Amino acid sequence: MSETERTYESATARLEEIIRRLDSGEAGLRETLDLVKEGRGLVEYCAGELDAVSRGLEELQLDELVARLEQGAQPGADPAPST
């Protein structure tokens, strides 16, 4: 899978394939090593994607809080309906 084609969803799907192959007990020593290395890279990629999404959500929440404060709303209160 090339870097340009990789998505979180494709990475997790590949991880599931790797886990099934390793669980089958049919992989030889070298194949097991290669699969574990690939899996580690995929896990690191997925963790990075989750971190990026988490940061994006935090930024959205901060932007919403700033907008509420600028409108005079209290944090945690329902936002005023926009017209």
PDB file of N, CA and C in Angstrom:
ATOM      1  N   MET A   1       0.857  -1.162   0.000  1.00  0.00           N
ATOM      2  CA  MET A   1       0.000   0.000   0.000  1.00  0.00           C
ATOM      3  C   MET A   1       0.903   1.224   0.000  1.00  0.00           C
ATOM      4  N   SER A   2       0.750   2.117  -0.962  1.00  0.00           N
ATOM      5  CA  SER A   2       1.594   3.305  -1.035  1.00  0.00           C
ATOM      6  C   SER A   2       1.086   4.359  -0.068  1.00  0.00           C
ATOM      7  N   GLU A   3       1.973   5.300   0.271  1.00  0.00           N
ATOM      8  CA  GLU A   3       1.604   6.360   1.212  1.00  0.00           C
ATOM      9  C   GLU A   3       0.431   7.187   0.690  1.00  0.00           C
ATOM     10  N   THR A   4       0.358   7.404  -0.638  1.00  0.00           N
ATOM     11  CA  THR A   4      -0.705   8.243  -1.176  1.00  0.00           C
ATOM     12  C   THR A   4      -2.060   7.552  -1.108  1.00  0.00           C
ATOM     13  N   GLU A   5      -2.082   6.232  -1.097  1.00  0.00           N
ATOM     14  CA  GLU A   5      -3.332   5.479  -1.046  1.00  0.00           C
ATOM     15  C   GLU A   5      -3.774   5.176   0.383  1.00  0.00           C
ATOM     16  N   ARG A   6      -2.890   5.339   1.340  1.00  0.00           N
ATOM     17  CA  ARG A   6      -3.174   4.919   2.708  1.00  0.00           C
ATOM     18  C   ARG A   6      -4.190   5.842   3.369  1.00  0.00           C
ATOM     19  N   THR A   7      -5.167   5.222   3.970  1.00  0.00           N
ATOM     20  CA  THR A   7      -6.144   5.927   4.797  1.00  0.00           C
ATOM     21  C   THR A   7      -6.224   5.175   6.119  1.00  0.00           C
ATOM     22  N   TYR A   8      -6.844   5.793   7.091  1.00  0.00           N
ATOM     23  CA  TYR A   8      -7.031   5.127   8.376  1.00  0.00           C
ATOM     24  C   TYR A   8      -7.800   3.821   8.171  1.00  0.00           C
ATOM     25  N   GLU A   9      -8.840   3.893   7.350  1.00  0.00           N
ATOM     26  CA  GLU A   9      -9.685   2.718   7.120  1.00  0.00           C
ATOM     27  C   GLU A   9      -8.918   1.600   6.418  1.00  0.00           C
ATOM     28  N   SER A  10      -8.107   1.953   5.418  1.00  0.00           N
ATOM     29  CA  SER A  10      -7.346   0.913   4.718  1.00  0.00           C
ATOM     30  C   SER A  10      -6.260   0.334   5.622  1.00  0.00           C
ATOM     31  N   ALA A  11      -5.697   1.169   6.483  1.00  0.00           N
ATOM     32  CA  ALA A  11      -4.668   0.690   7.407  1.00  0.00           C
ATOM     33  C   ALA A  11      -5.261  -0.277   8.428  1.00  0.00           C
ATOM     34  N   THR A  12      -6.435   0.045   8.962  1.00  0.00           N
ATOM     35  CA  THR A  12      -7.046  -0.869   9.934  1.00  0.00           C
ATOM     36  C   THR A  12      -7.494  -2.171   9.266  1.00  0.00           C
ATOM     37  N   ALA A  13      -7.939  -2.081   8.029  1.00  0.00           N
ATOM     38  CA  ALA A  13      -8.319  -3.301   7.302  1.00  0.00           C
ATOM     39  C   ALA A  13      -7.095  -4.191   7.102  1.00  0.00           C
ATOM     40  N   ARG A  14      -5.968  -3.586   6.749  1.00  0.00           N
ATOM     41  CA  ARG A  14      -4.737  -4.358   6.561  1.00  0.00           C
ATOM     42  C   ARG A  14      -4.279  -4.949   7.892  1.00  0.00           C
ATOM     43  N   LEU A  15      -4.410  -4.197   8.968  1.00  0.00           N
ATOM     44  CA  LEU A  15      -4.050  -4.733  10.285  1.00  0.00           C
ATOM     45  C   LEU A  15      -4.884  -5.968  10.621  1.00  0.00           C
ATOM     46  N   GLU A  16      -6.158  -5.932  10.289  1.00  0.00           N
ATOM     47  CA  GLU A  16      -7.019  -7.093  10.535  1.00  0.00           C
ATOM     48  C   GLU A  16      -6.539  -8.300   9.734  1.00  0.00           C
ATOM     49  N   GLU A  17      -6.121  -8.069   8.486  1.00  0.00           N
ATOM     50  CA  GLU A  17      -5.588  -9.163   7.663  1.00  0.00           C
ATOM     51  C   GLU A  17      -4.324  -9.741   8.293  1.00  0.00           C
ATOM     52  N   ILE A  18      -3.453  -8.851   8.748  1.00  0.00           N
ATOM     53  CA  ILE A  18      -2.200  -9.290   9.367  1.00  0.00           C
ATOM     54  C   ILE A  18      -2.492 -10.120  10.612  1.00  0.00           C
ATOM     55  N   ILE A  19      -3.409  -9.656  11.437  1.00  0.00           N
ATOM     56  CA  ILE A  19      -3.752 -10.377  12.666  1.00  0.00           C
ATOM     57  C   ILE A  19      -4.320 -11.754  12.342  1.00  0.00           C
ATOM     58  N   ARG A  20      -5.193 -11.819  11.339  1.00  0.00           N
ATOM     59  CA  ARG A  20      -5.749 -13.127  10.940  1.00  0.00           C
ATOM     60  C   ARG A  20      -4.642 -14.072  10.484  1.00  0.00           C
ATOM     61  N   ARG A  21      -3.710 -13.549   9.706  1.00  0.00           N
ATOM     62  CA  ARG A  21      -2.612 -14.383   9.204  1.00  0.00           C
ATOM     63  C   ARG A  21      -1.739 -14.870  10.359  1.00  0.00           C
ATOM     64  N   LEU A  22      -1.427 -13.976  11.279  1.00  0.00           N
ATOM     65  CA  LEU A  22      -0.599 -14.378  12.415  1.00  0.00           C
ATOM     66  C   LEU A  22      -1.340 -15.365  13.314  1.00  0.00           C
ATOM     67  N   ASP A  23      -2.625 -15.137  13.523  1.00  0.00           N
ATOM     68  CA  ASP A  23      -3.427 -16.041  14.357  1.00  0.00           C
ATOM     69  C   ASP A  23      -3.582 -17.425  13.744  1.00  0.00           C
ATOM     70  N   SER A  24      -3.488 -17.503  12.425  1.00  0.00           N
ATOM     71  CA  SER A  24      -3.661 -18.796  11.757  1.00  0.00           C
ATOM     72  C   SER A  24      -2.524 -19.756  12.073  1.00  0.00           C
ATOM     73  N   GLY A  25      -1.379 -19.212  12.463  1.00  0.00           N
ATOM     74  CA  GLY A  25      -0.231 -20.058  12.751  1.00  0.00           C
ATOM     75  C   GLY A  25       0.454 -20.596  11.514  1.00  0.00           C
ATOM     76  N   GLU A  26       0.028 -20.164  10.335  1.00  0.00           N
ATOM     77  CA  GLU A  26       0.577 -20.679   9.089  1.00  0.00           C
ATOM     78  C   GLU A  26       1.764 -19.874   8.574  1.00  0.00           C
ATOM     79  N   ALA A  27       2.005 -18.696   9.141  1.00  0.00           N
ATOM     80  CA  ALA A  27       3.108 -17.859   8.671  1.00  0.00           C
ATOM     81  C   ALA A  27       4.425 -18.409   9.200  1.00  0.00           C
ATOM     82  N   GLY A  28       5.417 -18.447   8.321  1.00  0.00           N
ATOM     83  CA  GLY A  28       6.742 -18.869   8.729  1.00  0.00           C
ATOM     84  C   GLY A  28       7.437 -17.773   9.526  1.00  0.00           C
ATOM     85  N   LEU A  29       8.646 -18.066   9.960  1.00  0.00           N
ATOM     86  CA  LEU A  29       9.390 -17.137  10.801  1.00  0.00           C
ATOM     87  C   LEU A  29       9.631 -15.799  10.110  1.00  0.00           C
ATOM     88  N   ARG A  30      10.144 -15.831   8.889  1.00  0.00           N
ATOM     89  CA  ARG A  30      10.427 -14.588   8.148  1.00  0.00           C
ATOM     90  C   ARG A  30       9.145 -13.818   7.847  1.00  0.00           C
ATOM     91  N   GLU A  31       8.114 -14.531   7.429  1.00  0.00           N
ATOM     92  CA  GLU A  31       6.847 -13.866   7.133  1.00  0.00           C
ATOM     93  C   GLU A  31       6.279 -13.226   8.397  1.00  0.00           C
ATOM     94  N   THR A  32       6.387 -13.933   9.518  1.00  0.00           N
ATOM     95  CA  THR A  32       5.911 -13.382  10.786  1.00  0.00           C
ATOM     96  C   THR A  32       6.641 -12.090  11.113  1.00  0.00           C
ATOM     97  N   LEU A  33       7.953 -12.089  10.962  1.00  0.00           N
ATOM     98  CA  LEU A  33       8.745 -10.894  11.224  1.00  0.00           C
ATOM     99  C   LEU A  33       8.309  -9.748  10.318  1.00  0.00           C
ATOM    100  N   ASP A  34       8.144 -10.038   9.031  1.00  0.00           N
ATOM    101  CA  ASP A  34       7.710  -9.007   8.080  1.00  0.00           C
ATOM    102  C   ASP A  34       6.319  -8.473   8.423  1.00  0.00           C
ATOM    103  N   LEU A  35       5.410  -9.360   8.789  1.00  0.00           N
ATOM    104  CA  LEU A  35       4.054  -8.945   9.142  1.00  0.00           C
ATOM    105  C   LEU A  35       4.042  -8.085  10.402  1.00  0.00           C
ATOM    106  N   VAL A  36       4.846  -8.467  11.383  1.00  0.00           N
ATOM    107  CA  VAL A  36       4.911  -7.691  12.624  1.00  0.00           C
ATOM    108  C   VAL A  36       5.477  -6.301  12.347  1.00  0.00           C
ATOM    109  N   LYS A  37       6.510  -6.223  11.513  1.00  0.00           N
ATOM    110  CA  LYS A  37       7.078  -4.914  11.158  1.00  0.00           C
ATOM    111  C   LYS A  37       6.045  -4.053  10.437  1.00  0.00           C
ATOM    112  N   GLU A  38       5.354  -4.651   9.477  1.00  0.00           N
ATOM    113  CA  GLU A  38       4.323  -3.911   8.749  1.00  0.00           C
ATOM    114  C   GLU A  38       3.213  -3.465   9.701  1.00  0.00           C
ATOM    115  N   GLY A  39       2.806  -4.370  10.575  1.00  0.00           N
ATOM    116  CA  GLY A  39       1.757  -4.045  11.535  1.00  0.00           C
ATOM    117  C   GLY A  39       2.150  -2.907  12.454  1.00  0.00           C
ATOM    118  N   ARG A  40       3.383  -2.904  12.892  1.00  0.00           N
ATOM    119  CA  ARG A  40       3.846  -1.823  13.768  1.00  0.00           C
ATOM    120  C   ARG A  40       3.767  -0.477  13.054  1.00  0.00           C
ATOM    121  N   GLY A  41       4.193  -0.454  11.805  1.00  0.00           N
ATOM    122  CA  GLY A  41       4.108   0.778  11.031  1.00  0.00           C
ATOM    123  C   GLY A  41       2.671   1.242  10.851  1.00  0.00           C
ATOM    124  N   LEU A  42       1.780   0.300  10.620  1.00  0.00           N
ATOM    125  CA  LEU A  42       0.364   0.639  10.461  1.00  0.00           C
ATOM    126  C   LEU A  42      -0.244   1.158  11.757  1.00  0.00           C
ATOM    127  N   VAL A  43       0.134   0.556  12.875  1.00  0.00           N
ATOM    128  CA  VAL A  43      -0.361   1.018  14.175  1.00  0.00           C
ATOM    129  C   VAL A  43       0.123   2.443  14.433  1.00  0.00           C
ATOM    130  N   GLU A  44       1.389   2.716  14.123  1.00  0.00           N
ATOM    131  CA  GLU A  44       1.922   4.072  14.305  1.00  0.00           C
ATOM    132  C   GLU A  44       1.193   5.064  13.409  1.00  0.00           C
ATOM    133  N   TYR A  45       0.923   4.664  12.169  1.00  0.00           N
ATOM    134  CA  TYR A  45       0.180   5.530  11.251  1.00  0.00           C
ATOM    135  C   TYR A  45      -1.218   5.817  11.804  1.00  0.00           C
ATOM    136  N   CYS A  46      -1.917   4.776  12.244  1.00  0.00           N
ATOM    137  CA  CYS A  46      -3.277   4.946  12.775  1.00  0.00           C
ATOM    138  C   CYS A  46      -3.273   5.832  14.016  1.00  0.00           C
ATOM    139  N   ALA A  47      -2.292   5.650  14.882  1.00  0.00           N
ATOM    140  CA  ALA A  47      -2.199   6.488  16.083  1.00  0.00           C
ATOM    141  C   ALA A  47      -2.006   7.948  15.691  1.00  0.00           C
ATOM    142  N   GLY A  48      -1.181   8.196  14.682  1.00  0.00           N
ATOM    143  CA  GLY A  48      -0.980   9.562  14.204  1.00  0.00           C
ATOM    144  C   GLY A  48      -2.249  10.160  13.632  1.00  0.00           C
ATOM    145  N   GLU A  49      -2.993   9.366  12.893  1.00  0.00           N
ATOM    146  CA  GLU A  49      -4.258   9.837  12.330  1.00  0.00           C
ATOM    147  C   GLU A  49      -5.260  10.164  13.437  1.00  0.00           C
ATOM    148  N   LEU A  50      -5.342   9.311  14.439  1.00  0.00           N
ATOM    149  CA  LEU A  50      -6.258   9.558  15.551  1.00  0.00           C
ATOM    150  C   LEU A  50      -5.857  10.814  16.324  1.00  0.00           C
ATOM    151  N   ASP A  51      -4.556  11.008  16.512  1.00  0.00           N
ATOM    152  CA  ASP A  51      -4.079  12.222  17.188  1.00  0.00           C
ATOM    153  C   ASP A  51      -4.445  13.467  16.394  1.00  0.00           C
ATOM    154  N   ALA A  52      -4.279  13.403  15.073  1.00  0.00           N
ATOM    155  CA  ALA A  52      -4.597  14.553  14.225  1.00  0.00           C
ATOM    156  C   ALA A  52      -6.083  14.886  14.292  1.00  0.00           C
ATOM    157  N   VAL A  53      -6.915  13.873  14.256  1.00  0.00           N
ATOM    158  CA  VAL A  53      -8.361  14.098  14.344  1.00  0.00           C
ATOM    159  C   VAL A  53      -8.718  14.664  15.718  1.00  0.00           C
ATOM    160  N   SER A  54      -8.103  14.140  16.747  1.00  0.00           N
ATOM    161  CA  SER A  54      -8.361  14.628  18.102  1.00  0.00           C
ATOM    162  C   SER A  54      -7.986  16.100  18.230  1.00  0.00           C
ATOM    163  N   ARG A  55      -6.830  16.475  17.688  1.00  0.00           N
ATOM    164  CA  ARG A  55      -6.417  17.887  17.719  1.00  0.00           C
ATOM    165  C   ARG A  55      -7.405  18.750  16.946  1.00  0.00           C
ATOM    166  N   GLY A  56      -7.874  18.260  15.816  1.00  0.00           N
ATOM    167  CA  GLY A  56      -8.852  19.001  15.028  1.00  0.00           C
ATOM    168  C   GLY A  56     -10.148  19.219  15.791  1.00  0.00           C
ATOM    169  N   LEU A  57     -10.593  18.186  16.498  1.00  0.00           N
ATOM    170  CA  LEU A  57     -11.815  18.313  17.298  1.00  0.00           C
ATOM    171  C   LEU A  57     -11.623  19.301  18.442  1.00  0.00           C
ATOM    172  N   GLU A  58     -10.458  19.260  19.070  1.00  0.00           N
ATOM    173  CA  GLU A  58     -10.178  20.208  20.150  1.00  0.00           C
ATOM    174  C   GLU A  58     -10.199  21.638  19.625  1.00  0.00           C
ATOM    175  N   GLU A  59      -9.623  21.848  18.438  1.00  0.00           N
ATOM    176  CA  GLU A  59      -9.618  23.184  17.847  1.00  0.00           C
ATOM    177  C   GLU A  59     -11.041  23.649  17.553  1.00  0.00           C
ATOM    178  N   LEU A  60     -11.865  22.749  17.045  1.00  0.00           N
ATOM    179  CA  LEU A  60     -13.261  23.102  16.774  1.00  0.00           C
ATOM    180  C   LEU A  60     -13.985  23.482  18.060  1.00  0.00           C
ATOM    181  N   GLN A  61     -13.744  22.724  19.108  1.00  0.00           N
ATOM    182  CA  GLN A  61     -14.393  23.021  20.383  1.00  0.00           C
ATOM    183  C   GLN A  61     -13.908  24.359  20.932  1.00  0.00           C
ATOM    184  N   LEU A  62     -12.611  24.646  20.776  1.00  0.00           N
ATOM    185  CA  LEU A  62     -12.090  25.929  21.238  1.00  0.00           C
ATOM    186  C   LEU A  62     -12.675  27.072  20.428  1.00  0.00           C
ATOM    187  N   ASP A  63     -12.787  26.883  19.117  1.00  0.00           N
ATOM    188  CA  ASP A  63     -13.383  27.915  18.267  1.00  0.00           C
ATOM    189  C   ASP A  63     -14.824  28.190  18.689  1.00  0.00           C
ATOM    190  N   GLU A  64     -15.553  27.116  19.008  1.00  0.00           N
ATOM    191  CA  GLU A  64     -16.946  27.266  19.444  1.00  0.00           C
ATOM    192  C   GLU A  64     -17.007  28.014  20.773  1.00  0.00           C
ATOM    193  N   LEU A  65     -16.105  27.685  21.688  1.00  0.00           N
ATOM    194  CA  LEU A  65     -16.072  28.357  22.981  1.00  0.00           C
ATOM    195  C   LEU A  65     -15.757  29.839  22.815  1.00  0.00           C
ATOM    196  N   VAL A  66     -14.790  30.162  21.970  1.00  0.00           N
ATOM    197  CA  VAL A  66     -14.442  31.562  21.719  1.00  0.00           C
ATOM    198  C   VAL A  66     -15.644  32.306  21.154  1.00  0.00           C
ATOM    199  N   ALA A  67     -16.337  31.691  20.211  1.00  0.00           N
ATOM    200  CA  ALA A  67     -17.511  32.332  19.615  1.00  0.00           C
ATOM    201  C   ALA A  67     -18.580  32.584  20.675  1.00  0.00           C
ATOM    202  N   ARG A  68     -18.787  31.622  21.554  1.00  0.00           N
ATOM    203  CA  ARG A  68     -19.778  31.796  22.625  1.00  0.00           C
ATOM    204  C   ARG A  68     -19.370  32.931  23.559  1.00  0.00           C
ATOM    205  N   LEU A  69     -18.093  32.956  23.920  1.00  0.00           N
ATOM    206  CA  LEU A  69     -17.621  33.998  24.824  1.00  0.00           C
ATOM    207  C   LEU A  69     -17.733  35.375  24.181  1.00  0.00           C
ATOM    208  N   GLU A  70     -17.442  35.435  22.896  1.00  0.00           N
ATOM    209  CA  GLU A  70     -17.552  36.711  22.191  1.00  0.00           C
ATOM    210  C   GLU A  70     -19.003  37.178  22.126  1.00  0.00           C
ATOM    211  N   GLN A  71     -19.940  36.237  22.124  1.00  0.00           N
ATOM    212  CA  GLN A  71     -21.366  36.578  22.087  1.00  0.00           C
ATOM    213  C   GLN A  71     -21.922  36.798  23.487  1.00  0.00           C
ATOM    214  N   GLY A  72     -21.106  36.610  24.504  1.00  0.00           N
ATOM    215  CA  GLY A  72     -21.544  36.822  25.874  1.00  0.00           C
ATOM    216  C   GLY A  72     -22.207  35.624  26.507  1.00  0.00           C
ATOM    217  N   ALA A  73     -22.150  34.464  25.866  1.00  0.00           N
ATOM    218  CA  ALA A  73     -22.754  33.252  26.424  1.00  0.00           C
ATOM    219  C   ALA A  73     -21.812  32.656  27.459  1.00  0.00           C
ATOM    220  N   GLN A  74     -22.366  31.957  28.399  1.00  0.00           N
ATOM    221  CA  GLN A  74     -21.586  31.279  29.418  1.00  0.00           C
ATOM    222  C   GLN A  74     -21.092  29.942  28.872  1.00  0.00           C
ATOM    223  N   PRO A  75     -19.849  29.539  29.201  1.00  0.00           N
ATOM    224  CA  PRO A  75     -19.376  28.212  28.786  1.00  0.00           C
ATOM    225  C   PRO A  75     -20.303  27.133  29.327  1.00  0.00           C
ATOM    226  N   GLY A  76     -20.635  26.196  28.495  1.00  0.00           N
ATOM    227  CA  GLY A  76     -21.507  25.093  28.872  1.00  0.00           C
ATOM    228  C   GLY A  76     -22.976  25.373  28.635  1.00  0.00           C
ATOM    229  N   ALA A  77     -23.321  26.624  28.351  1.00  0.00           N
ATOM    230  CA  ALA A  77     -24.718  26.967  28.066  1.00  0.00           C
ATOM    231  C   ALA A  77     -25.007  26.682  26.606  1.00  0.00           C
ATOM    232  N   ASP A  78     -26.284  26.496  26.298  1.00  0.00           N
ATOM    233  CA  ASP A  78     -26.662  26.289  24.906  1.00  0.00           C
ATOM    234  C   ASP A  78     -26.379  27.562  24.132  1.00  0.00           C
ATOM    235  N   PRO A  79     -25.828  27.434  22.917  1.00  0.00           N
ATOM    236  CA  PRO A  79     -25.541  28.631  22.134  1.00  0.00           C
ATOM    237  C   PRO A  79     -26.829  29.332  21.723  1.00  0.00           C
ATOM    238  N   ALA A  80     -26.722  30.631  21.584  1.00  0.00           N
ATOM    239  CA  ALA A  80     -27.882  31.405  21.133  1.00  0.00           C
ATOM    240  C   ALA A  80     -28.201  31.013  19.710  1.00  0.00           C
ATOM    241  N   PRO A  81     -29.483  30.910  19.364  1.00  0.00           N
ATOM    242  CA  PRO A  81     -29.831  30.538  17.986  1.00  0.00           C
ATOM    243  C   PRO A  81     -29.319  31.596  17.026  1.00  0.00           C
ATOM    244  N   SER A  82     -28.725  31.132  15.943  1.00  0.00           N
ATOM    245  CA  SER A  82     -28.217  32.074  14.942  1.00  0.00           C
ATOM    246  C   SER A  82     -29.336  32.440  13.990  1.00  0.00           C
ATOM    247  N   THR A  83     -29.325  33.708  13.591  1.00  0.00           N
ATOM    248  CA  THR A  83     -30.376  34.180  12.683  1.00  0.00           C
ATOM    249  C   THR A  83     -29.782  34.642  11.397  1.00  0.00           C
TER     250      THR A  83
END
